[in-house]
Amino acid sequence: MTILDRKQRQDIGLVRHGDIMTNEEIDEIIDEEIDLYLNEKKKKKKDACYSKVKSRYKVWPSAYASGALVKCRKVGAKNWGNKSKKK
């Protein structure tokens, strides 16, 4: 680990109101940022169309599956895959 002089710490934001942050404070900030990043990754879920289309096609990703995914999202997951009744 390299020791940074005051100017280098100031340039990268490790100096707060003239005081140098301690290693514990830096570790705490880093832990908070990592937690925020991981929580954002967990929140992203696949939509219903993704699940329906992926279960129907053996090869994923493929041009056919991607096209079907776009069509499903266009009409909605409830309506996609249901044949319309002709009168």
N, C-alpha and C. Protein backbone atom coordinates (compact mmCIF):
# COMPACT_ATOMS: atom_id res chain seq x y z
N MET A 1 0.84 -1.17 0.00
CA MET A 1 0.00 0.00 0.00
C MET A 1 0.89 1.24 0.00
N THR A 2 0.56 2.17 -0.86
CA THR A 2 1.39 3.37 -0.95
C THR A 2 0.85 4.45 -0.02
N ILE A 3 1.74 5.26 0.48
CA ILE A 3 1.36 6.36 1.34
C ILE A 3 1.19 7.59 0.48
N LEU A 4 0.02 8.20 0.56
CA LEU A 4 -0.28 9.38 -0.24
C LEU A 4 0.04 10.63 0.57
N ASP A 5 0.63 11.61 -0.10
CA ASP A 5 0.85 12.86 0.60
C ASP A 5 -0.45 13.67 0.63
N ARG A 6 -0.46 14.76 1.35
CA ARG A 6 -1.68 15.54 1.56
C ARG A 6 -2.30 16.01 0.24
N LYS A 7 -1.49 16.44 -0.70
CA LYS A 7 -2.00 16.94 -1.98
C LYS A 7 -2.69 15.82 -2.75
N GLN A 8 -2.10 14.63 -2.78
CA GLN A 8 -2.72 13.50 -3.48
C GLN A 8 -4.04 13.13 -2.84
N ARG A 9 -4.08 13.11 -1.52
CA ARG A 9 -5.34 12.78 -0.82
C ARG A 9 -6.39 13.84 -1.11
N GLN A 10 -5.98 15.09 -1.19
CA GLN A 10 -6.91 16.17 -1.47
C GLN A 10 -7.46 16.03 -2.89
N ASP A 11 -6.62 15.64 -3.82
CA ASP A 11 -7.03 15.49 -5.22
C ASP A 11 -8.07 14.39 -5.40
N ILE A 12 -7.95 13.31 -4.65
CA ILE A 12 -8.91 12.21 -4.82
C ILE A 12 -10.03 12.26 -3.79
N GLY A 13 -10.14 13.34 -3.02
CA GLY A 13 -11.26 13.53 -2.13
C GLY A 13 -11.14 12.86 -0.78
N LEU A 14 -9.95 12.58 -0.32
CA LEU A 14 -9.79 11.93 0.98
C LEU A 14 -9.51 12.93 2.09
N VAL A 15 -9.56 14.22 1.78
CA VAL A 15 -9.35 15.23 2.80
C VAL A 15 -10.69 15.91 3.04
N ARG A 16 -11.09 15.98 4.30
CA ARG A 16 -12.38 16.56 4.64
C ARG A 16 -12.15 17.74 5.58
N HIS A 17 -12.46 18.93 5.12
CA HIS A 17 -12.33 20.16 5.90
C HIS A 17 -10.94 20.30 6.51
N GLY A 18 -9.93 20.00 5.77
CA GLY A 18 -8.58 20.14 6.25
C GLY A 18 -8.06 18.96 7.04
N ASP A 19 -8.93 18.05 7.45
CA ASP A 19 -8.51 16.86 8.20
C ASP A 19 -8.38 15.69 7.24
N ILE A 20 -7.39 14.88 7.49
CA ILE A 20 -7.22 13.68 6.68
C ILE A 20 -8.10 12.59 7.27
N MET A 21 -8.83 11.89 6.40
CA MET A 21 -9.72 10.82 6.86
C MET A 21 -8.88 9.64 7.33
N THR A 22 -9.38 8.97 8.33
CA THR A 22 -8.68 7.80 8.83
C THR A 22 -9.01 6.60 7.95
N ASN A 23 -8.24 5.55 8.10
CA ASN A 23 -8.49 4.34 7.32
C ASN A 23 -9.86 3.76 7.63
N GLU A 24 -10.30 3.87 8.89
CA GLU A 24 -11.62 3.35 9.26
C GLU A 24 -12.73 4.09 8.53
N GLU A 25 -12.59 5.41 8.42
CA GLU A 25 -13.58 6.21 7.71
C GLU A 25 -13.61 5.86 6.22
N ILE A 26 -12.45 5.66 5.66
CA ILE A 26 -12.36 5.29 4.24
C ILE A 26 -12.98 3.93 4.02
N ASP A 27 -12.67 2.97 4.91
CA ASP A 27 -13.25 1.63 4.79
C ASP A 27 -14.77 1.67 4.91
N GLU A 28 -15.28 2.51 5.81
CA GLU A 28 -16.72 2.63 5.99
C GLU A 28 -17.40 3.17 4.73
N ILE A 29 -16.79 4.17 4.12
CA ILE A 29 -17.34 4.73 2.88
C ILE A 29 -17.31 3.70 1.77
N ILE A 30 -16.23 2.98 1.66
CA ILE A 30 -16.11 1.96 0.62
C ILE A 30 -17.15 0.86 0.82
N ASP A 31 -17.35 0.43 2.07
CA ASP A 31 -18.36 -0.59 2.37
C ASP A 31 -19.76 -0.12 2.01
N GLU A 32 -20.08 1.15 2.30
CA GLU A 32 -21.39 1.69 1.95
C GLU A 32 -21.59 1.69 0.45
N GLU A 33 -20.57 2.10 -0.30
CA GLU A 33 -20.68 2.14 -1.76
C GLU A 33 -20.86 0.73 -2.34
N ILE A 34 -20.15 -0.23 -1.80
CA ILE A 34 -20.27 -1.62 -2.27
C ILE A 34 -21.67 -2.14 -1.99
N ASP A 35 -22.20 -1.86 -0.80
CA ASP A 35 -23.55 -2.30 -0.46
C ASP A 35 -24.59 -1.68 -1.39
N LEU A 36 -24.46 -0.39 -1.68
CA LEU A 36 -25.38 0.27 -2.60
C LEU A 36 -25.33 -0.38 -3.98
N TYR A 37 -24.12 -0.66 -4.45
CA TYR A 37 -23.96 -1.27 -5.77
C TYR A 37 -24.59 -2.65 -5.82
N LEU A 38 -24.35 -3.46 -4.80
CA LEU A 38 -24.90 -4.82 -4.77
C LEU A 38 -26.42 -4.81 -4.66
N ASN A 39 -26.98 -3.88 -3.90
CA ASN A 39 -28.43 -3.79 -3.79
C ASN A 39 -29.07 -3.41 -5.11
N GLU A 40 -28.42 -2.56 -5.88
CA GLU A 40 -28.94 -2.19 -7.19
C GLU A 40 -28.94 -3.41 -8.12
N LYS A 41 -27.91 -4.23 -8.03
CA LYS A 41 -27.82 -5.42 -8.88
C LYS A 41 -28.91 -6.42 -8.53
N LYS A 42 -29.24 -6.56 -7.24
CA LYS A 42 -30.24 -7.52 -6.80
C LYS A 42 -31.64 -7.11 -7.23
N LYS A 43 -31.92 -5.83 -7.32
CA LYS A 43 -33.26 -5.35 -7.62
C LYS A 43 -33.67 -5.61 -9.06
N LYS A 44 -32.72 -5.74 -9.95
CA LYS A 44 -33.05 -5.95 -11.36
C LYS A 44 -33.59 -7.37 -11.55
N LYS A 45 -34.85 -7.46 -11.95
CA LYS A 45 -35.46 -8.76 -12.19
C LYS A 45 -35.92 -8.82 -13.64
N LYS A 46 -36.04 -10.02 -14.13
CA LYS A 46 -36.49 -10.23 -15.49
C LYS A 46 -38.01 -10.11 -15.54
N ASP A 47 -38.53 -9.58 -16.64
CA ASP A 47 -39.98 -9.43 -16.75
C ASP A 47 -40.63 -10.74 -17.20
N ALA A 48 -41.95 -10.75 -17.24
CA ALA A 48 -42.71 -11.97 -17.57
C ALA A 48 -42.43 -12.41 -19.00
N CYS A 49 -42.26 -11.47 -19.91
CA CYS A 49 -41.99 -11.83 -21.31
C CYS A 49 -40.67 -12.58 -21.43
N TYR A 50 -39.68 -12.15 -20.69
CA TYR A 50 -38.37 -12.81 -20.73
C TYR A 50 -38.52 -14.26 -20.34
N SER A 51 -39.26 -14.53 -19.27
CA SER A 51 -39.44 -15.90 -18.80
C SER A 51 -40.20 -16.75 -19.80
N LYS A 52 -41.29 -16.19 -20.36
CA LYS A 52 -42.12 -16.94 -21.31
C LYS A 52 -41.34 -17.29 -22.58
N VAL A 53 -40.64 -16.31 -23.12
CA VAL A 53 -39.92 -16.52 -24.38
C VAL A 53 -38.74 -17.45 -24.16
N LYS A 54 -38.02 -17.27 -23.07
CA LYS A 54 -36.84 -18.11 -22.82
C LYS A 54 -37.23 -19.58 -22.64
N SER A 55 -38.40 -19.83 -22.06
CA SER A 55 -38.83 -21.21 -21.88
C SER A 55 -39.25 -21.86 -23.20
N ARG A 56 -39.63 -21.05 -24.16
CA ARG A 56 -40.11 -21.59 -25.43
C ARG A 56 -38.97 -21.90 -26.41
N TYR A 57 -37.87 -21.18 -26.33
CA TYR A 57 -36.76 -21.35 -27.27
C TYR A 57 -35.60 -22.10 -26.61
N LYS A 58 -35.06 -23.08 -27.32
CA LYS A 58 -33.95 -23.88 -26.78
C LYS A 58 -32.64 -23.11 -26.78
N VAL A 59 -32.40 -22.37 -27.86
CA VAL A 59 -31.14 -21.62 -27.98
C VAL A 59 -31.40 -20.20 -27.52
N TRP A 60 -30.66 -19.80 -26.51
CA TRP A 60 -30.79 -18.43 -25.99
C TRP A 60 -29.42 -17.84 -25.81
N PRO A 61 -29.10 -16.71 -26.31
CA PRO A 61 -29.89 -15.82 -27.15
C PRO A 61 -29.78 -16.22 -28.61
N SER A 62 -30.82 -15.96 -29.34
CA SER A 62 -30.82 -16.17 -30.78
C SER A 62 -31.65 -15.06 -31.40
N ALA A 63 -31.55 -14.94 -32.70
CA ALA A 63 -32.29 -13.89 -33.40
C ALA A 63 -33.80 -14.14 -33.27
N TYR A 64 -34.21 -15.39 -33.39
CA TYR A 64 -35.64 -15.71 -33.29
C TYR A 64 -36.16 -15.41 -31.88
N ALA A 65 -35.41 -15.79 -30.87
CA ALA A 65 -35.83 -15.56 -29.50
C ALA A 65 -35.87 -14.06 -29.18
N SER A 66 -34.90 -13.32 -29.67
CA SER A 66 -34.88 -11.88 -29.44
C SER A 66 -36.07 -11.20 -30.11
N GLY A 67 -36.38 -11.65 -31.32
CA GLY A 67 -37.54 -11.10 -32.02
C GLY A 67 -38.83 -11.41 -31.29
N ALA A 68 -38.94 -12.64 -30.77
CA ALA A 68 -40.12 -13.02 -30.01
C ALA A 68 -40.24 -12.20 -28.73
N LEU A 69 -39.12 -11.91 -28.11
CA LEU A 69 -39.12 -11.11 -26.89
C LEU A 69 -39.63 -9.70 -27.18
N VAL A 70 -39.20 -9.13 -28.28
CA VAL A 70 -39.66 -7.80 -28.67
C VAL A 70 -41.16 -7.82 -28.94
N LYS A 71 -41.63 -8.82 -29.65
CA LYS A 71 -43.06 -8.92 -29.94
C LYS A 71 -43.88 -9.11 -28.67
N CYS A 72 -43.38 -9.92 -27.75
CA CYS A 72 -44.07 -10.14 -26.49
C CYS A 72 -44.19 -8.84 -25.70
N ARG A 73 -43.12 -8.10 -25.63
CA ARG A 73 -43.15 -6.84 -24.89
C ARG A 73 -44.07 -5.83 -25.56
N LYS A 74 -44.23 -5.95 -26.87
CA LYS A 74 -45.08 -5.02 -27.60
C LYS A 74 -46.56 -5.27 -27.29
N VAL A 75 -46.98 -6.54 -27.24
CA VAL A 75 -48.39 -6.85 -27.00
C VAL A 75 -48.70 -7.13 -25.54
N GLY A 76 -47.71 -7.40 -24.75
CA GLY A 76 -47.92 -7.70 -23.33
C GLY A 76 -47.81 -9.19 -23.09
N ALA A 77 -47.35 -9.55 -21.91
CA ALA A 77 -47.10 -10.96 -21.59
C ALA A 77 -48.38 -11.77 -21.54
N LYS A 78 -49.49 -11.15 -21.11
CA LYS A 78 -50.75 -11.89 -21.01
C LYS A 78 -51.27 -12.30 -22.39
N ASN A 79 -51.04 -11.45 -23.37
CA ASN A 79 -51.59 -11.70 -24.71
C ASN A 79 -50.64 -12.45 -25.63
N TRP A 80 -49.38 -12.49 -25.30
CA TRP A 80 -48.41 -13.09 -26.21
C TRP A 80 -48.52 -14.61 -26.17
N GLY A 81 -48.54 -15.21 -27.34
CA GLY A 81 -48.59 -16.65 -27.44
C GLY A 81 -49.99 -17.21 -27.53
N ASN A 82 -51.00 -16.39 -27.36
CA ASN A 82 -52.39 -16.83 -27.49
C ASN A 82 -52.84 -16.55 -28.92
N LYS A 83 -53.35 -17.55 -29.56
CA LYS A 83 -53.82 -17.35 -30.92
C LYS A 83 -55.15 -16.61 -30.88
N SER A 84 -55.30 -15.70 -31.80
CA SER A 84 -56.57 -14.97 -31.86
C SER A 84 -57.62 -15.85 -32.55
N LYS A 85 -58.83 -15.78 -32.07
CA LYS A 85 -59.92 -16.58 -32.65
C LYS A 85 -60.50 -15.82 -33.83
N LYS A 86 -60.51 -16.46 -34.98
CA LYS A 86 -61.08 -15.83 -36.17
C LYS A 86 -62.55 -16.13 -36.23
N LYS A 87 -63.32 -15.14 -36.60
CA LYS A 87 -64.78 -15.32 -36.68
C LYS A 87 -65.22 -15.60 -38.08
